[in-house]
C-alpha atoms as a PDB file:
ATOM      1  CA  MET A   1      -0.083  -0.037   0.017  1.00  0.00           C
ATOM      2  CA  LEU A   2       1.424   3.619  -0.774  1.00  0.00           C
ATOM      3  CA  LEU A   3       0.520   5.011   2.459  1.00  0.00           C
ATOM      4  CA  LYS A   4       3.007   2.751   4.423  1.00  0.00           C
ATOM      5  CA  ASN A   5       5.762   4.651   2.377  1.00  0.00           C
ATOM      6  CA  LEU A   6       4.868   8.398   3.493  1.00  0.00           C
ATOM      7  CA  ASP A   7       6.823   9.657   5.906  1.00  0.00           C
ATOM      8  CA  ILE A   8       4.315  12.038   7.748  1.00  0.00           C
ATOM      9  CA  LYS A   9       4.854  13.408  11.072  1.00  0.00           C
ATOM     10  CA  GLU A  10       1.780  13.937  13.268  1.00  0.00           C
ATOM     11  CA  GLY A  11       1.003  17.834  13.552  1.00  0.00           C
ATOM     12  CA  ASP A  12       3.216  18.998  10.817  1.00  0.00           C
ATOM     13  CA  ASN A  13       0.518  20.211   8.551  1.00  0.00           C
ATOM     14  CA  MET A  14      -2.171  20.778  11.185  1.00  0.00           C
ATOM     15  CA  LYS A  15      -3.512  24.324  12.470  1.00  0.00           C
ATOM     16  CA  LYS A  16      -3.420  24.848  16.014  1.00  0.00           C
ATOM     17  CA  TRP A  17      -6.545  26.159  17.764  1.00  0.00           C
ATOM     18  CA  LYS A  18      -6.597  28.065  21.350  1.00  0.00           C
ATOM     19  CA  CYS A  19      -9.401  28.073  23.542  1.00  0.00           C
ATOM     20  CA  SER A  20      -9.891  31.755  24.890  1.00  0.00           C
ATOM     21  CA  VAL A  21     -11.195  30.154  28.084  1.00  0.00           C
ATOM     22  CA  CYS A  22      -8.963  27.545  29.322  1.00  0.00           C
ATOM     23  CA  ASP A  23      -5.924  27.706  26.946  1.00  0.00           C
ATOM     24  CA  TYR A  24      -6.171  24.175  25.556  1.00  0.00           C
ATOM     25  CA  VAL A  25      -4.367  24.008  22.158  1.00  0.00           C
ATOM     26  CA  HIS A  26      -5.983  21.926  19.647  1.00  0.00           C
ATOM     27  CA  GLU A  27      -4.172  20.516  16.658  1.00  0.00           C
ATOM     28  CA  ASP A  28      -6.450  19.675  13.440  1.00  0.00           C
ATOM     29  CA  ASP A  29      -7.666  21.359  10.340  1.00  0.00           C
ATOM     30  CA  ASN A  30     -10.812  22.852  12.168  1.00  0.00           C
ATOM     31  CA  PRO A  31     -11.502  23.489  16.005  1.00  0.00           C
ATOM     32  CA  PRO A  32     -12.999  20.918  18.048  1.00  0.00           C
ATOM     33  CA  GLY A  33     -16.721  20.958  18.180  1.00  0.00           C
ATOM     34  CA  GLU A  34     -16.161  21.341  22.193  1.00  0.00           C
ATOM     35  CA  GLY A  35     -13.335  21.916  24.465  1.00  0.00           C
ATOM     36  CA  PRO A  36     -12.252  18.977  26.142  1.00  0.00           C
ATOM     37  CA  HIS A  37     -11.382  20.900  29.598  1.00  0.00           C
ATOM     38  CA  CYS A  38     -13.637  23.581  29.782  1.00  0.00           C
ATOM     39  CA  GLU A  39     -16.763  22.046  27.494  1.00  0.00           C
ATOM     40  CA  SER A  40     -16.567  25.560  25.566  1.00  0.00           C
ATOM     41  CA  ILE A  41     -18.076  25.629  22.251  1.00  0.00           C
ATOM     42  CA  THR A  42     -16.169  26.172  18.758  1.00  0.00           C
ATOM     43  CA  ASP A  43     -16.901  29.652  18.759  1.00  0.00           C
ATOM     44  CA  VAL A  44     -14.163  30.251  21.589  1.00  0.00           C
ATOM     45  CA  PHE A  45     -11.269  28.772  19.684  1.00  0.00           C
ATOM     46  CA  SER A  46      -9.359  30.784  17.782  1.00  0.00           C
ATOM     47  CA  GLU A  47      -6.494  29.963  15.062  1.00  0.00           C
ATOM     48  CA  GLN A  48      -2.942  30.312  16.419  1.00  0.00           C
ATOM     49  CA  SER A  49      -0.286  32.033  14.592  1.00  0.00           C
ATOM     50  CA  SER A  50       3.494  30.745  14.465  1.00  0.00           C
ATOM     51  CA  GLU A  51       4.647  33.072  16.857  1.00  0.00           C
ATOM     52  CA  GLU A  52       2.034  31.946  19.356  1.00  0.00           C
ATOM     53  CA  GLU A  53       2.790  28.197  18.870  1.00  0.00           C
ATOM     54  CA  ASN A  54       6.310  28.172  19.853  1.00  0.00           C
ATOM     55  CA  GLY A  55       6.500  26.356  23.219  1.00  0.00           C
ATOM     56  CA  GLN A  56       2.797  25.209  23.375  1.00  0.00           C
ATOM     57  CA  LYS A  57       1.667  21.848  23.043  1.00  0.00           C
ATOM     58  CA  ASN A  58      -1.406  20.003  23.970  1.00  0.00           C
ATOM     59  CA  THR A  59      -0.413  19.628  27.620  1.00  0.00           C
ATOM     60  CA  LYS A  60      -3.594  21.085  29.443  1.00  0.00           C
END
């Protein structure tokens, strides 16, 4: 299968979305439907710029 030969690292091309309520960072093409920590709706997630991404991961 061709997909086995691809060397794709998790999160390399994903957008990062930050929750304005709890600061959770979600990596995906789209924001989550609900925040996993504060249960906020999608509207409170904003896409992070590359400057904001430095040093922040899904650790909360």
